[in-house]
Amino acid sequence: MNDHGTGNHFPSDPRVSDEFVRERAAEWTAFTRFTTYGVVAVVVLLLLMALFLL
């Protein structure tokens, strides 16, 4: 059932523990941080190449 009063739109699945969700959230945070640093590094590298090669 859909409980509109609490904002809980999906039934709780007892097979998914809170620890599992915390681990996946930490992994996702680490991945997005790594990706952000990688994109920034590539942009800086391209800017430096444009500065010194043009």
C-alpha atoms as a PDB file:
ATOM      1  CA  MET A   1       0.000   0.000   0.000  1.00  0.00           C
ATOM      2  CA  ASN A   2       1.025   3.546  -0.566  1.00  0.00           C
ATOM      3  CA  ASP A   3       1.350   5.607   2.590  1.00  0.00           C
ATOM      4  CA  HIS A   4       0.951   9.191   1.425  1.00  0.00           C
ATOM      5  CA  GLY A   5       1.092  10.637   4.914  1.00  0.00           C
ATOM      6  CA  THR A   6       4.728   9.755   5.689  1.00  0.00           C
ATOM      7  CA  GLY A   7       6.271  10.088   2.235  1.00  0.00           C
ATOM      8  CA  ASN A   8       7.125   6.378   2.237  1.00  0.00           C
ATOM      9  CA  HIS A   9       5.978   5.341  -1.221  1.00  0.00           C
ATOM     10  CA  PHE A  10       7.671   1.954  -1.343  1.00  0.00           C
ATOM     11  CA  PRO A  11       7.122  -0.909   1.043  1.00  0.00           C
ATOM     12  CA  SER A  12      10.051  -1.791   3.246  1.00  0.00           C
ATOM     13  CA  ASP A  13      12.002  -4.754   1.920  1.00  0.00           C
ATOM     14  CA  PRO A  14      13.338  -6.842   4.818  1.00  0.00           C
ATOM     15  CA  ARG A  15      16.064  -8.318   2.563  1.00  0.00           C
ATOM     16  CA  VAL A  16      17.787  -4.918   2.262  1.00  0.00           C
ATOM     17  CA  SER A  17      19.523  -3.913   5.466  1.00  0.00           C
ATOM     18  CA  ASP A  18      20.388  -0.390   6.517  1.00  0.00           C
ATOM     19  CA  GLU A  19      24.070  -1.378   6.541  1.00  0.00           C
ATOM     20  CA  PHE A  20      23.856  -2.423   2.884  1.00  0.00           C
ATOM     21  CA  VAL A  21      22.309   0.909   1.943  1.00  0.00           C
ATOM     22  CA  ARG A  22      24.977   2.816   3.915  1.00  0.00           C
ATOM     23  CA  GLU A  23      27.767   0.876   2.167  1.00  0.00           C
ATOM     24  CA  ARG A  24      26.321   1.563  -1.278  1.00  0.00           C
ATOM     25  CA  ALA A  25      25.829   5.244  -0.450  1.00  0.00           C
ATOM     26  CA  ALA A  26      29.464   5.499   0.693  1.00  0.00           C
ATOM     27  CA  GLU A  27      30.637   3.772  -2.493  1.00  0.00           C
ATOM     28  CA  TRP A  28      28.550   6.101  -4.635  1.00  0.00           C
ATOM     29  CA  THR A  29      29.940   9.143  -2.818  1.00  0.00           C
ATOM     30  CA  ALA A  30      33.506   7.920  -3.357  1.00  0.00           C
ATOM     31  CA  PHE A  31      32.805   7.243  -7.044  1.00  0.00           C
ATOM     32  CA  THR A  32      31.302  10.678  -7.669  1.00  0.00           C
ATOM     33  CA  ARG A  33      34.179  12.366  -5.825  1.00  0.00           C
ATOM     34  CA  PHE A  34      36.733  10.435  -7.915  1.00  0.00           C
ATOM     35  CA  THR A  35      34.869  11.282 -11.116  1.00  0.00           C
ATOM     36  CA  THR A  36      34.710  14.966 -10.194  1.00  0.00           C
ATOM     37  CA  TYR A  37      38.462  15.090  -9.504  1.00  0.00           C
ATOM     38  CA  GLY A  38      39.115  13.304 -12.792  1.00  0.00           C
ATOM     39  CA  VAL A  39      37.011  15.748 -14.803  1.00  0.00           C
ATOM     40  CA  VAL A  40      38.673  18.732 -13.116  1.00  0.00           C
ATOM     41  CA  ALA A  41      42.123  17.266 -13.811  1.00  0.00           C
ATOM     42  CA  VAL A  42      41.315  16.784 -17.506  1.00  0.00           C
ATOM     43  CA  VAL A  43      39.999  20.342 -17.798  1.00  0.00           C
ATOM     44  CA  VAL A  44      43.129  21.745 -16.120  1.00  0.00           C
ATOM     45  CA  LEU A  45      45.334  19.638 -18.385  1.00  0.00           C
ATOM     46  CA  LEU A  46      43.510  20.881 -21.490  1.00  0.00           C
ATOM     47  CA  LEU A  47      43.779  24.480 -20.326  1.00  0.00           C
ATOM     48  CA  LEU A  48      47.503  24.104 -19.718  1.00  0.00           C
ATOM     49  CA  MET A  49      47.964  22.498 -23.124  1.00  0.00           C
ATOM     50  CA  ALA A  50      46.070  25.346 -24.769  1.00  0.00           C
ATOM     51  CA  LEU A  51      48.138  27.908 -22.872  1.00  0.00           C
ATOM     52  CA  PHE A  52      51.529  26.439 -23.739  1.00  0.00           C
ATOM     53  CA  LEU A  53      50.893  24.963 -27.178  1.00  0.00           C
ATOM     54  CA  LEU A  54      48.988  27.805 -28.858  1.00  0.00           C
END
